[in-house]
Amino acid sequence: MKHWIEAARLRTLPLSVSGIIVGSFYAMSQAMFNWKIVVFALLTTLGLQILSNFANDYGDGVKGTDNDDRVGPKRAIQKGAITPFAMKNAIILTSFVTLCFAILLIYCAFKESYLLYSFIFLFLGVLAIASAIRYTVGKGAYGYRGYGDLFVFIFFGLVSTFGVYFMFSKEIDWLLLLPATAIGFLSVGVLNLNNMRDEESDRKAGKNTVVVKKGGEWAKKYHYFLVISAMILVVIFAILNNFHFDQYIFLGAYLPLLSHLNRVKKNRNPKLLDPELKKLALSTFFLSVLLALSLIYFISDLLVNYI
């Protein structure tokens, strides 16, 4: 059990639910809420993240990418704690469970009234599961061709935030594009850090991530763009939503983000970036929670004024 928990990589889970939190509480700020949608959306997203972690362990393990050159914590297959056969079965089981959660989520959101929406989201669910697996598994794994950033941005940024909001409202609010893009950028930032750390070992293994293709110095500038743009987008979202001055509590999450950027700027050895992955992931989660609290305050303020 200990090895399976390690393979699930619990430190990645808070980041994965950030979009769900923001999208759900934005819907709540508009007097729309259904706890079943929130619960099944969280379970589906967590399932996708765990599936992605299992698939990465399996794909990189059987390809030999996870070797002694890799800097981060040793993965389960790499150290022989879990066999490739067992991990493959875990991928199949996790895919099935995640799909079940997705179907329950779709039913709770649309029931029999919105069949077209149900089919669209079912397609997105299957696509997300397939994409999580194909990141490193198979000969045509897109993570080995530098497309991992796009997958993370789309599914853990746009689809996660927009998708859960749409399930409440049955419509698109384009203002939500700002925090959705911000969370997508920060999620890509975590992947970029991972790729910066593993640049040398990935290059040797033929894993052509964006960092391997463009180089470490370019990756640093790319990282600054991702994090700083995310911070700006959330502020613009707050301004356009007419936040009161005391609703800007989310700015508290900018302190660890700025500290993180300073560490990345000063870094001269990519292998020492490993601790920053957890810090950036938790900072993104922290930002999403504080932004959600700001939106809750907005509801409370409306109720007080109404009463």
C-alpha atoms as a PDB file:
ATOM      1  CA  MET A   1       0.000   0.000   0.000  1.00  0.00           C
ATOM      2  CA  LYS A   2       2.867   2.344   0.821  1.00  0.00           C
ATOM      3  CA  HIS A   3       4.324   1.936  -2.666  1.00  0.00           C
ATOM      4  CA  TRP A   4       0.962   2.538  -4.350  1.00  0.00           C
ATOM      5  CA  ILE A   5       0.467   5.731  -2.339  1.00  0.00           C
ATOM      6  CA  GLU A   6       3.921   6.878  -3.402  1.00  0.00           C
ATOM      7  CA  ALA A   7       3.126   6.027  -7.032  1.00  0.00           C
ATOM      8  CA  ALA A   8      -0.060   8.131  -6.796  1.00  0.00           C
ATOM      9  CA  ARG A   9       2.214  11.094  -5.921  1.00  0.00           C
ATOM     10  CA  LEU A  10      -0.046  12.816  -3.423  1.00  0.00           C
ATOM     11  CA  ARG A  11       1.855  16.092  -3.678  1.00  0.00           C
ATOM     12  CA  THR A  12       0.441  16.594  -7.198  1.00  0.00           C
ATOM     13  CA  LEU A  13      -3.207  16.237  -6.156  1.00  0.00           C
ATOM     14  CA  PRO A  14      -3.927  19.716  -4.666  1.00  0.00           C
ATOM     15  CA  LEU A  15      -2.797  21.363  -7.909  1.00  0.00           C
ATOM     16  CA  SER A  16      -5.149  19.218  -9.996  1.00  0.00           C
ATOM     17  CA  VAL A  17      -8.312  20.396  -8.175  1.00  0.00           C
ATOM     18  CA  SER A  18      -7.512  24.129  -8.342  1.00  0.00           C
ATOM     19  CA  GLY A  19      -9.619  24.683 -11.462  1.00  0.00           C
ATOM     20  CA  ILE A  20     -12.569  22.798  -9.948  1.00  0.00           C
ATOM     21  CA  ILE A  21     -12.444  25.006  -6.854  1.00  0.00           C
ATOM     22  CA  VAL A  22     -12.418  28.267  -8.798  1.00  0.00           C
ATOM     23  CA  GLY A  23     -15.090  27.198 -11.305  1.00  0.00           C
ATOM     24  CA  SER A  24     -17.401  25.888  -8.565  1.00  0.00           C
ATOM     25  CA  PHE A  25     -17.141  28.939  -6.340  1.00  0.00           C
ATOM     26  CA  TYR A  26     -17.551  31.274  -9.280  1.00  0.00           C
ATOM     27  CA  ALA A  27     -20.850  29.498  -9.962  1.00  0.00           C
ATOM     28  CA  MET A  28     -21.712  29.825  -6.275  1.00  0.00           C
ATOM     29  CA  SER A  29     -21.092  33.581  -6.474  1.00  0.00           C
ATOM     30  CA  GLN A  30     -23.915  33.612  -9.033  1.00  0.00           C
ATOM     31  CA  ALA A  31     -26.255  31.674  -6.712  1.00  0.00           C
ATOM     32  CA  MET A  32     -25.718  28.313  -8.440  1.00  0.00           C
ATOM     33  CA  PHE A  33     -24.553  25.299  -6.478  1.00  0.00           C
ATOM     34  CA  ASN A  34     -24.970  21.527  -6.416  1.00  0.00           C
ATOM     35  CA  TRP A  35     -22.763  19.590  -3.989  1.00  0.00           C
ATOM     36  CA  LYS A  36     -23.033  16.428  -6.104  1.00  0.00           C
ATOM     37  CA  ILE A  37     -21.430  18.185  -9.065  1.00  0.00           C
ATOM     38  CA  VAL A  38     -18.601  19.461  -6.868  1.00  0.00           C
ATOM     39  CA  VAL A  39     -17.926  16.052  -5.286  1.00  0.00           C
ATOM     40  CA  PHE A  40     -17.947  14.071  -8.539  1.00  0.00           C
ATOM     41  CA  ALA A  41     -15.937  16.762 -10.341  1.00  0.00           C
ATOM     42  CA  LEU A  42     -13.276  16.551  -7.624  1.00  0.00           C
ATOM     43  CA  LEU A  43     -13.263  12.746  -7.749  1.00  0.00           C
ATOM     44  CA  THR A  44     -13.001  12.743 -11.544  1.00  0.00           C
ATOM     45  CA  THR A  45     -10.131  15.226 -11.535  1.00  0.00           C
ATOM     46  CA  LEU A  46      -8.279  13.369  -8.792  1.00  0.00           C
ATOM     47  CA  GLY A  47      -8.789  10.143 -10.752  1.00  0.00           C
ATOM     48  CA  LEU A  48      -7.290  11.748 -13.852  1.00  0.00           C
ATOM     49  CA  GLN A  49      -4.285  13.015 -11.926  1.00  0.00           C
ATOM     50  CA  ILE A  50      -3.610   9.653 -10.271  1.00  0.00           C
ATOM     51  CA  LEU A  51      -4.091   7.921 -13.632  1.00  0.00           C
ATOM     52  CA  SER A  52      -1.594  10.313 -15.201  1.00  0.00           C
ATOM     53  CA  ASN A  53       0.901   9.605 -12.413  1.00  0.00           C
ATOM     54  CA  PHE A  54       0.511   5.826 -12.790  1.00  0.00           C
ATOM     55  CA  ALA A  55       0.844   6.105 -16.570  1.00  0.00           C
ATOM     56  CA  ASN A  56       3.969   8.278 -16.272  1.00  0.00           C
ATOM     57  CA  ASP A  57       5.491   5.759 -13.879  1.00  0.00           C
ATOM     58  CA  TYR A  58       4.712   2.949 -16.306  1.00  0.00           C
ATOM     59  CA  GLY A  59       5.647   4.736 -19.549  1.00  0.00           C
ATOM     60  CA  ASP A  60       8.926   6.206 -18.333  1.00  0.00           C
ATOM     61  CA  GLY A  61       9.704   3.000 -16.455  1.00  0.00           C
ATOM     62  CA  VAL A  62       9.396   0.575 -19.356  1.00  0.00           C
ATOM     63  CA  LYS A  63      11.156   3.004 -21.733  1.00  0.00           C
ATOM     64  CA  GLY A  64      14.109   3.325 -19.371  1.00  0.00           C
ATOM     65  CA  THR A  65      13.675   7.096 -19.024  1.00  0.00           C
ATOM     66  CA  ASP A  66      13.557   6.671 -15.248  1.00  0.00           C
ATOM     67  CA  ASN A  67      17.156   5.743 -14.569  1.00  0.00           C
ATOM     68  CA  ASP A  68      20.008   6.751 -12.306  1.00  0.00           C
ATOM     69  CA  ASP A  69      20.344  10.073 -14.145  1.00  0.00           C
ATOM     70  CA  ARG A  70      16.878  11.167 -12.999  1.00  0.00           C
ATOM     71  CA  VAL A  71      16.977  13.714 -10.166  1.00  0.00           C
ATOM     72  CA  GLY A  72      13.564  13.473  -8.509  1.00  0.00           C
ATOM     73  CA  PRO A  73      12.271  10.782  -6.154  1.00  0.00           C
ATOM     74  CA  LYS A  74      12.600   7.284  -7.580  1.00  0.00           C
ATOM     75  CA  ARG A  75       9.381   5.986  -9.055  1.00  0.00           C
ATOM     76  CA  ALA A  76       7.791   2.650  -8.214  1.00  0.00           C
ATOM     77  CA  ILE A  77       8.787   0.707 -11.351  1.00  0.00           C
ATOM     78  CA  GLN A  78      12.241   2.299 -11.414  1.00  0.00           C
ATOM     79  CA  LYS A  79      13.090   0.978  -7.945  1.00  0.00           C
ATOM     80  CA  GLY A  80      11.298  -2.346  -8.430  1.00  0.00           C
ATOM     81  CA  ALA A  81       8.605  -1.730  -5.823  1.00  0.00           C
ATOM     82  CA  ILE A  82       5.806  -2.351  -8.354  1.00  0.00           C
ATOM     83  CA  THR A  83       6.044  -4.512 -11.472  1.00  0.00           C
ATOM     84  CA  PRO A  84       5.123  -3.121 -14.900  1.00  0.00           C
ATOM     85  CA  PHE A  85       2.343  -5.746 -15.122  1.00  0.00           C
ATOM     86  CA  ALA A  86       0.804  -4.601 -11.819  1.00  0.00           C
ATOM     87  CA  MET A  87       1.072  -0.949 -12.834  1.00  0.00           C
ATOM     88  CA  LYS A  88      -0.581  -1.669 -16.177  1.00  0.00           C
ATOM     89  CA  ASN A  89      -3.508  -3.290 -14.354  1.00  0.00           C
ATOM     90  CA  ALA A  90      -3.684  -0.288 -12.007  1.00  0.00           C
ATOM     91  CA  ILE A  91      -3.903   2.011 -15.041  1.00  0.00           C
ATOM     92  CA  ILE A  92      -6.822  -0.008 -16.432  1.00  0.00           C
ATOM     93  CA  LEU A  93      -8.623  -0.034 -13.064  1.00  0.00           C
ATOM     94  CA  THR A  94      -8.051   3.677 -12.455  1.00  0.00           C
ATOM     95  CA  SER A  95      -9.290   4.488 -15.970  1.00  0.00           C
ATOM     96  CA  PHE A  96     -12.499   2.541 -15.319  1.00  0.00           C
ATOM     97  CA  VAL A  97     -13.122   4.156 -11.918  1.00  0.00           C
ATOM     98  CA  THR A  98     -12.407   7.632 -13.292  1.00  0.00           C
ATOM     99  CA  LEU A  99     -14.794   7.069 -16.188  1.00  0.00           C
ATOM    100  CA  CYS A 100     -17.490   5.963 -13.727  1.00  0.00           C
ATOM    101  CA  PHE A 101     -17.000   9.160 -11.718  1.00  0.00           C
ATOM    102  CA  ALA A 102     -17.181  11.179 -14.949  1.00  0.00           C
ATOM    103  CA  ILE A 103     -20.454   9.506 -15.963  1.00  0.00           C
ATOM    104  CA  LEU A 104     -21.969  10.165 -12.527  1.00  0.00           C
ATOM    105  CA  LEU A 105     -20.807  13.779 -12.762  1.00  0.00           C
ATOM    106  CA  ILE A 106     -22.394  14.192 -16.195  1.00  0.00           C
ATOM    107  CA  TYR A 107     -25.663  12.653 -15.004  1.00  0.00           C
ATOM    108  CA  CYS A 108     -25.832  14.894 -11.926  1.00  0.00           C
ATOM    109  CA  ALA A 109     -25.217  17.970 -14.085  1.00  0.00           C
ATOM    110  CA  PHE A 110     -27.450  17.293 -17.092  1.00  0.00           C
ATOM    111  CA  LYS A 111     -29.709  14.288 -16.303  1.00  0.00           C
ATOM    112  CA  GLU A 112     -32.049  13.599 -19.253  1.00  0.00           C
ATOM    113  CA  SER A 113     -32.561  17.242 -20.241  1.00  0.00           C
ATOM    114  CA  TYR A 114     -29.299  18.031 -22.039  1.00  0.00           C
ATOM    115  CA  LEU A 115     -28.314  14.972 -24.061  1.00  0.00           C
ATOM    116  CA  LEU A 116     -26.040  16.897 -26.425  1.00  0.00           C
ATOM    117  CA  TYR A 117     -24.099  18.373 -23.502  1.00  0.00           C
ATOM    118  CA  SER A 118     -23.889  14.924 -21.939  1.00  0.00           C
ATOM    119  CA  PHE A 119     -22.346  13.432 -25.076  1.00  0.00           C
ATOM    120  CA  ILE A 120     -19.897  16.337 -25.417  1.00  0.00           C
ATOM    121  CA  PHE A 121     -18.682  15.956 -21.833  1.00  0.00           C
ATOM    122  CA  LEU A 122     -18.549  12.176 -22.131  1.00  0.00           C
ATOM    123  CA  PHE A 123     -16.310  12.624 -25.164  1.00  0.00           C
ATOM    124  CA  LEU A 124     -14.135  15.073 -23.199  1.00  0.00           C
ATOM    125  CA  GLY A 125     -13.926  12.594 -20.331  1.00  0.00           C
ATOM    126  CA  VAL A 126     -12.793   9.744 -22.565  1.00  0.00           C
ATOM    127  CA  LEU A 127     -10.346  12.081 -24.326  1.00  0.00           C
ATOM    128  CA  ALA A 128      -8.915  13.212 -20.985  1.00  0.00           C
ATOM    129  CA  ILE A 129      -8.409   9.612 -19.847  1.00  0.00           C
ATOM    130  CA  ALA A 130      -6.757   8.660 -23.135  1.00  0.00           C
ATOM    131  CA  SER A 131      -4.558  11.759 -23.029  1.00  0.00           C
ATOM    132  CA  ALA A 132      -3.469  11.068 -19.452  1.00  0.00           C
ATOM    133  CA  ILE A 133      -2.280   7.617 -20.533  1.00  0.00           C
ATOM    134  CA  ARG A 134      -0.738   8.587 -23.868  1.00  0.00           C
ATOM    135  CA  TYR A 135       1.463  11.271 -22.294  1.00  0.00           C
ATOM    136  CA  THR A 136       4.271   8.736 -21.805  1.00  0.00           C
ATOM    137  CA  VAL A 137       2.778   5.357 -22.783  1.00  0.00           C
ATOM    138  CA  GLY A 138       3.243   3.919 -26.263  1.00  0.00           C
ATOM    139  CA  LYS A 139       5.552   4.605 -29.185  1.00  0.00           C
ATOM    140  CA  GLY A 140       3.746   7.808 -30.113  1.00  0.00           C
ATOM    141  CA  ALA A 141       3.642   9.236 -26.563  1.00  0.00           C
ATOM    142  CA  TYR A 142       3.112  12.971 -27.022  1.00  0.00           C
ATOM    143  CA  GLY A 143       5.050  13.833 -23.854  1.00  0.00           C
ATOM    144  CA  TYR A 144       8.156  12.651 -25.712  1.00  0.00           C
ATOM    145  CA  ARG A 145       7.437  15.120 -28.500  1.00  0.00           C
ATOM    146  CA  GLY A 146       6.958  18.243 -26.383  1.00  0.00           C
ATOM    147  CA  TYR A 147       3.156  18.425 -26.242  1.00  0.00           C
ATOM    148  CA  GLY A 148       2.737  17.811 -22.518  1.00  0.00           C
ATOM    149  CA  ASP A 149       2.395  21.533 -21.784  1.00  0.00           C
ATOM    150  CA  LEU A 150      -0.610  21.780 -24.096  1.00  0.00           C
ATOM    151  CA  PHE A 151      -2.350  18.806 -22.443  1.00  0.00           C
ATOM    152  CA  VAL A 152      -1.878  20.244 -18.950  1.00  0.00           C
ATOM    153  CA  PHE A 153      -3.067  23.709 -19.982  1.00  0.00           C
ATOM    154  CA  ILE A 154      -6.210  22.436 -21.704  1.00  0.00           C
ATOM    155  CA  PHE A 155      -7.398  19.823 -19.219  1.00  0.00           C
ATOM    156  CA  PHE A 156      -6.189  21.165 -15.854  1.00  0.00           C
ATOM    157  CA  GLY A 157      -6.784  24.800 -16.771  1.00  0.00           C
ATOM    158  CA  LEU A 158      -9.529  25.433 -19.323  1.00  0.00           C
ATOM    159  CA  VAL A 159     -11.588  22.226 -19.227  1.00  0.00           C
ATOM    160  CA  SER A 160     -11.389  21.913 -15.455  1.00  0.00           C
ATOM    161  CA  THR A 161     -12.465  25.500 -14.676  1.00  0.00           C
ATOM    162  CA  PHE A 162     -14.827  26.156 -17.575  1.00  0.00           C
ATOM    163  CA  GLY A 163     -16.227  22.628 -17.525  1.00  0.00           C
ATOM    164  CA  VAL A 164     -17.399  22.553 -13.928  1.00  0.00           C
ATOM    165  CA  TYR A 165     -18.879  26.060 -14.224  1.00  0.00           C
ATOM    166  CA  PHE A 166     -20.763  25.056 -17.375  1.00  0.00           C
ATOM    167  CA  MET A 167     -22.220  22.078 -15.524  1.00  0.00           C
ATOM    168  CA  PHE A 168     -23.814  24.504 -13.073  1.00  0.00           C
ATOM    169  CA  SER A 169     -24.852  27.277 -15.445  1.00  0.00           C
ATOM    170  CA  LYS A 170     -25.291  25.509 -18.837  1.00  0.00           C
ATOM    171  CA  GLU A 171     -23.629  28.532 -20.421  1.00  0.00           C
ATOM    172  CA  ILE A 172     -20.169  30.002 -20.969  1.00  0.00           C
ATOM    173  CA  ASP A 173     -19.010  33.040 -19.006  1.00  0.00           C
ATOM    174  CA  TRP A 174     -16.002  34.391 -20.889  1.00  0.00           C
ATOM    175  CA  LEU A 175     -14.803  36.318 -17.833  1.00  0.00           C
ATOM    176  CA  LEU A 176     -13.905  32.951 -16.329  1.00  0.00           C
ATOM    177  CA  LEU A 177     -11.314  32.587 -19.082  1.00  0.00           C
ATOM    178  CA  LEU A 178      -8.995  34.798 -17.029  1.00  0.00           C
ATOM    179  CA  PRO A 179      -8.637  32.594 -13.902  1.00  0.00           C
ATOM    180  CA  ALA A 180      -8.921  29.440 -16.027  1.00  0.00           C
ATOM    181  CA  THR A 181      -5.952  30.555 -18.098  1.00  0.00           C
ATOM    182  CA  ALA A 182      -4.077  31.567 -14.940  1.00  0.00           C
ATOM    183  CA  ILE A 183      -4.511  28.129 -13.368  1.00  0.00           C
ATOM    184  CA  GLY A 184      -3.567  26.523 -16.673  1.00  0.00           C
ATOM    185  CA  PHE A 185      -0.372  28.603 -16.822  1.00  0.00           C
ATOM    186  CA  LEU A 186       0.587  27.737 -13.236  1.00  0.00           C
ATOM    187  CA  SER A 187      -0.092  24.042 -13.861  1.00  0.00           C
ATOM    188  CA  VAL A 188       2.135  24.181 -16.937  1.00  0.00           C
ATOM    189  CA  GLY A 189       4.687  25.944 -14.746  1.00  0.00           C
ATOM    190  CA  VAL A 190       4.870  22.892 -12.486  1.00  0.00           C
ATOM    191  CA  LEU A 191       5.452  20.660 -15.519  1.00  0.00           C
ATOM    192  CA  ASN A 192       8.049  23.084 -16.855  1.00  0.00           C
ATOM    193  CA  LEU A 193       9.923  22.947 -13.545  1.00  0.00           C
ATOM    194  CA  ASN A 194       9.853  19.164 -13.699  1.00  0.00           C
ATOM    195  CA  ASN A 195      11.241  19.266 -17.238  1.00  0.00           C
ATOM    196  CA  MET A 196      13.902  21.818 -16.279  1.00  0.00           C
ATOM    197  CA  ARG A 197      15.021  19.543 -13.454  1.00  0.00           C
ATOM    198  CA  ASP A 198      15.135  16.500 -15.751  1.00  0.00           C
ATOM    199  CA  GLU A 199      16.541  18.216 -18.849  1.00  0.00           C
ATOM    200  CA  GLU A 200      19.797  16.276 -18.876  1.00  0.00           C
ATOM    201  CA  SER A 201      18.285  12.833 -18.239  1.00  0.00           C
ATOM    202  CA  ASP A 202      15.386  13.472 -20.647  1.00  0.00           C
ATOM    203  CA  ARG A 203      17.777  14.438 -23.421  1.00  0.00           C
ATOM    204  CA  LYS A 204      19.764  11.233 -22.942  1.00  0.00           C
ATOM    205  CA  ALA A 205      16.564   9.166 -22.961  1.00  0.00           C
ATOM    206  CA  GLY A 206      15.180  10.821 -26.093  1.00  0.00           C
ATOM    207  CA  LYS A 207      12.307  12.517 -24.265  1.00  0.00           C
ATOM    208  CA  ASN A 208      12.015  15.738 -26.256  1.00  0.00           C
ATOM    209  CA  THR A 209      10.174  18.007 -23.869  1.00  0.00           C
ATOM    210  CA  VAL A 210       9.879  21.734 -24.583  1.00  0.00           C
ATOM    211  CA  VAL A 211      12.857  22.312 -22.284  1.00  0.00           C
ATOM    212  CA  VAL A 212      14.991  19.771 -24.168  1.00  0.00           C
ATOM    213  CA  LYS A 213      14.015  21.394 -27.473  1.00  0.00           C
ATOM    214  CA  LYS A 214      14.523  25.018 -26.411  1.00  0.00           C
ATOM    215  CA  GLY A 215      17.150  24.793 -23.674  1.00  0.00           C
ATOM    216  CA  GLY A 216      17.344  25.702 -19.996  1.00  0.00           C
ATOM    217  CA  GLU A 217      17.755  29.485 -20.373  1.00  0.00           C
ATOM    218  CA  TRP A 218      14.712  29.709 -22.635  1.00  0.00           C
ATOM    219  CA  ALA A 219      12.792  27.542 -20.142  1.00  0.00           C
ATOM    220  CA  LYS A 220      13.517  30.058 -17.367  1.00  0.00           C
ATOM    221  CA  LYS A 221      12.082  32.929 -19.394  1.00  0.00           C
ATOM    222  CA  TYR A 222       9.103  30.731 -20.306  1.00  0.00           C
ATOM    223  CA  HIS A 223       8.616  30.025 -16.588  1.00  0.00           C
ATOM    224  CA  TYR A 224       8.638  33.733 -15.714  1.00  0.00           C
ATOM    225  CA  PHE A 225       6.028  34.322 -18.416  1.00  0.00           C
ATOM    226  CA  LEU A 226       3.748  31.564 -17.096  1.00  0.00           C
ATOM    227  CA  VAL A 227       3.807  32.616 -13.450  1.00  0.00           C
ATOM    228  CA  ILE A 228       3.767  36.403 -13.918  1.00  0.00           C
ATOM    229  CA  SER A 229       1.014  36.224 -16.574  1.00  0.00           C
ATOM    230  CA  ALA A 230      -1.097  34.089 -14.214  1.00  0.00           C
ATOM    231  CA  MET A 231      -0.749  36.667 -11.437  1.00  0.00           C
ATOM    232  CA  ILE A 232      -1.743  39.515 -13.766  1.00  0.00           C
ATOM    233  CA  LEU A 233      -4.752  37.634 -15.163  1.00  0.00           C
ATOM    234  CA  VAL A 234      -6.204  36.992 -11.694  1.00  0.00           C
ATOM    235  CA  VAL A 235      -5.857  40.686 -10.783  1.00  0.00           C
ATOM    236  CA  ILE A 236      -7.641  41.685 -14.009  1.00  0.00           C
ATOM    237  CA  PHE A 237     -10.388  39.180 -13.157  1.00  0.00           C
ATOM    238  CA  ALA A 238     -10.797  40.791  -9.730  1.00  0.00           C
ATOM    239  CA  ILE A 239     -10.942  44.296 -11.199  1.00  0.00           C
ATOM    240  CA  LEU A 240     -13.540  43.331 -13.822  1.00  0.00           C
ATOM    241  CA  ASN A 241     -15.580  41.635 -11.077  1.00  0.00           C
ATOM    242  CA  ASN A 242     -15.508  44.849  -9.035  1.00  0.00           C
ATOM    243  CA  PHE A 243     -13.881  43.225  -6.014  1.00  0.00           C
ATOM    244  CA  HIS A 244     -13.888  45.298  -2.827  1.00  0.00           C
ATOM    245  CA  PHE A 245     -10.432  46.064  -1.416  1.00  0.00           C
ATOM    246  CA  ASP A 246     -10.853  43.355   1.258  1.00  0.00           C
ATOM    247  CA  GLN A 247     -11.640  40.761  -1.402  1.00  0.00           C
ATOM    248  CA  TYR A 248      -8.079  40.937  -2.645  1.00  0.00           C
ATOM    249  CA  ILE A 249      -6.993  38.411  -0.040  1.00  0.00           C
ATOM    250  CA  PHE A 250      -5.821  36.192  -2.910  1.00  0.00           C
ATOM    251  CA  LEU A 251      -2.819  38.503  -3.206  1.00  0.00           C
ATOM    252  CA  GLY A 252      -1.468  36.655  -0.182  1.00  0.00           C
ATOM    253  CA  ALA A 253      -0.671  33.754  -2.527  1.00  0.00           C
ATOM    254  CA  TYR A 254       1.565  36.047  -4.582  1.00  0.00           C
ATOM    255  CA  LEU A 255       4.203  36.164  -1.842  1.00  0.00           C
ATOM    256  CA  PRO A 256       5.244  32.487  -2.204  1.00  0.00           C
ATOM    257  CA  LEU A 257       4.943  32.816  -5.993  1.00  0.00           C
ATOM    258  CA  LEU A 258       7.331  35.783  -6.048  1.00  0.00           C
ATOM    259  CA  SER A 259       9.685  33.970  -3.696  1.00  0.00           C
ATOM    260  CA  HIS A 260       9.554  30.983  -6.019  1.00  0.00           C
ATOM    261  CA  LEU A 261      10.416  33.113  -9.048  1.00  0.00           C
ATOM    262  CA  ASN A 262      13.383  34.554  -7.189  1.00  0.00           C
ATOM    263  CA  ARG A 263      14.710  31.058  -6.437  1.00  0.00           C
ATOM    264  CA  VAL A 264      14.299  30.012 -10.073  1.00  0.00           C
ATOM    265  CA  LYS A 265      16.099  33.176 -11.215  1.00  0.00           C
ATOM    266  CA  LYS A 266      19.071  32.501  -8.928  1.00  0.00           C
ATOM    267  CA  ASN A 267      19.240  28.797  -9.718  1.00  0.00           C
ATOM    268  CA  ARG A 268      22.319  27.601 -11.580  1.00  0.00           C
ATOM    269  CA  ASN A 269      21.835  23.878 -11.075  1.00  0.00           C
ATOM    270  CA  PRO A 270      18.512  22.533 -12.466  1.00  0.00           C
ATOM    271  CA  LYS A 271      18.814  19.462 -10.251  1.00  0.00           C
ATOM    272  CA  LEU A 272      18.160  21.675  -7.214  1.00  0.00           C
ATOM    273  CA  LEU A 273      14.738  22.750  -8.538  1.00  0.00           C
ATOM    274  CA  ASP A 274      12.955  19.648  -7.224  1.00  0.00           C
ATOM    275  CA  PRO A 275      11.677  21.285  -3.967  1.00  0.00           C
ATOM    276  CA  GLU A 276      10.184  24.118  -6.018  1.00  0.00           C
ATOM    277  CA  LEU A 277       7.718  21.746  -7.705  1.00  0.00           C
ATOM    278  CA  LYS A 278       5.846  21.172  -4.459  1.00  0.00           C
ATOM    279  CA  LYS A 279       6.022  24.871  -3.549  1.00  0.00           C
ATOM    280  CA  LEU A 280       4.564  26.026  -6.862  1.00  0.00           C
ATOM    281  CA  ALA A 281       1.842  23.349  -6.789  1.00  0.00           C
ATOM    282  CA  LEU A 282       0.787  24.297  -3.250  1.00  0.00           C
ATOM    283  CA  SER A 283       0.969  28.023  -4.073  1.00  0.00           C
ATOM    284  CA  THR A 284      -1.411  27.460  -6.989  1.00  0.00           C
ATOM    285  CA  PHE A 285      -3.800  25.555  -4.725  1.00  0.00           C
ATOM    286  CA  PHE A 286      -3.486  28.310  -2.104  1.00  0.00           C
ATOM    287  CA  LEU A 287      -4.307  30.940  -4.742  1.00  0.00           C
ATOM    288  CA  SER A 288      -7.406  29.034  -5.888  1.00  0.00           C
ATOM    289  CA  VAL A 289      -8.664  28.678  -2.303  1.00  0.00           C
ATOM    290  CA  LEU A 290      -8.141  32.363  -1.500  1.00  0.00           C
ATOM    291  CA  LEU A 291      -9.834  33.392  -4.742  1.00  0.00           C
ATOM    292  CA  ALA A 292     -12.752  31.109  -3.851  1.00  0.00           C
ATOM    293  CA  LEU A 293     -12.975  32.725  -0.404  1.00  0.00           C
ATOM    294  CA  SER A 294     -13.067  36.136  -2.086  1.00  0.00           C
ATOM    295  CA  LEU A 295     -16.055  35.004  -4.133  1.00  0.00           C
ATOM    296  CA  ILE A 296     -17.795  33.629  -1.025  1.00  0.00           C
ATOM    297  CA  TYR A 297     -17.321  36.999   0.658  1.00  0.00           C
ATOM    298  CA  PHE A 298     -19.036  38.534  -2.350  1.00  0.00           C
ATOM    299  CA  ILE A 299     -22.121  36.339  -1.687  1.00  0.00           C
ATOM    300  CA  SER A 300     -22.130  37.248   2.002  1.00  0.00           C
ATOM    301  CA  ASP A 301     -21.933  40.920   1.101  1.00  0.00           C
ATOM    302  CA  LEU A 302     -24.912  40.618  -1.227  1.00  0.00           C
ATOM    303  CA  LEU A 303     -26.965  38.841   1.443  1.00  0.00           C
ATOM    304  CA  VAL A 304     -26.143  41.472   4.074  1.00  0.00           C
ATOM    305  CA  ASN A 305     -27.137  44.289   1.740  1.00  0.00           C
ATOM    306  CA  TYR A 306     -30.346  42.474   0.784  1.00  0.00           C
ATOM    307  CA  ILE A 307     -31.341  41.868   4.415  1.00  0.00           C
END
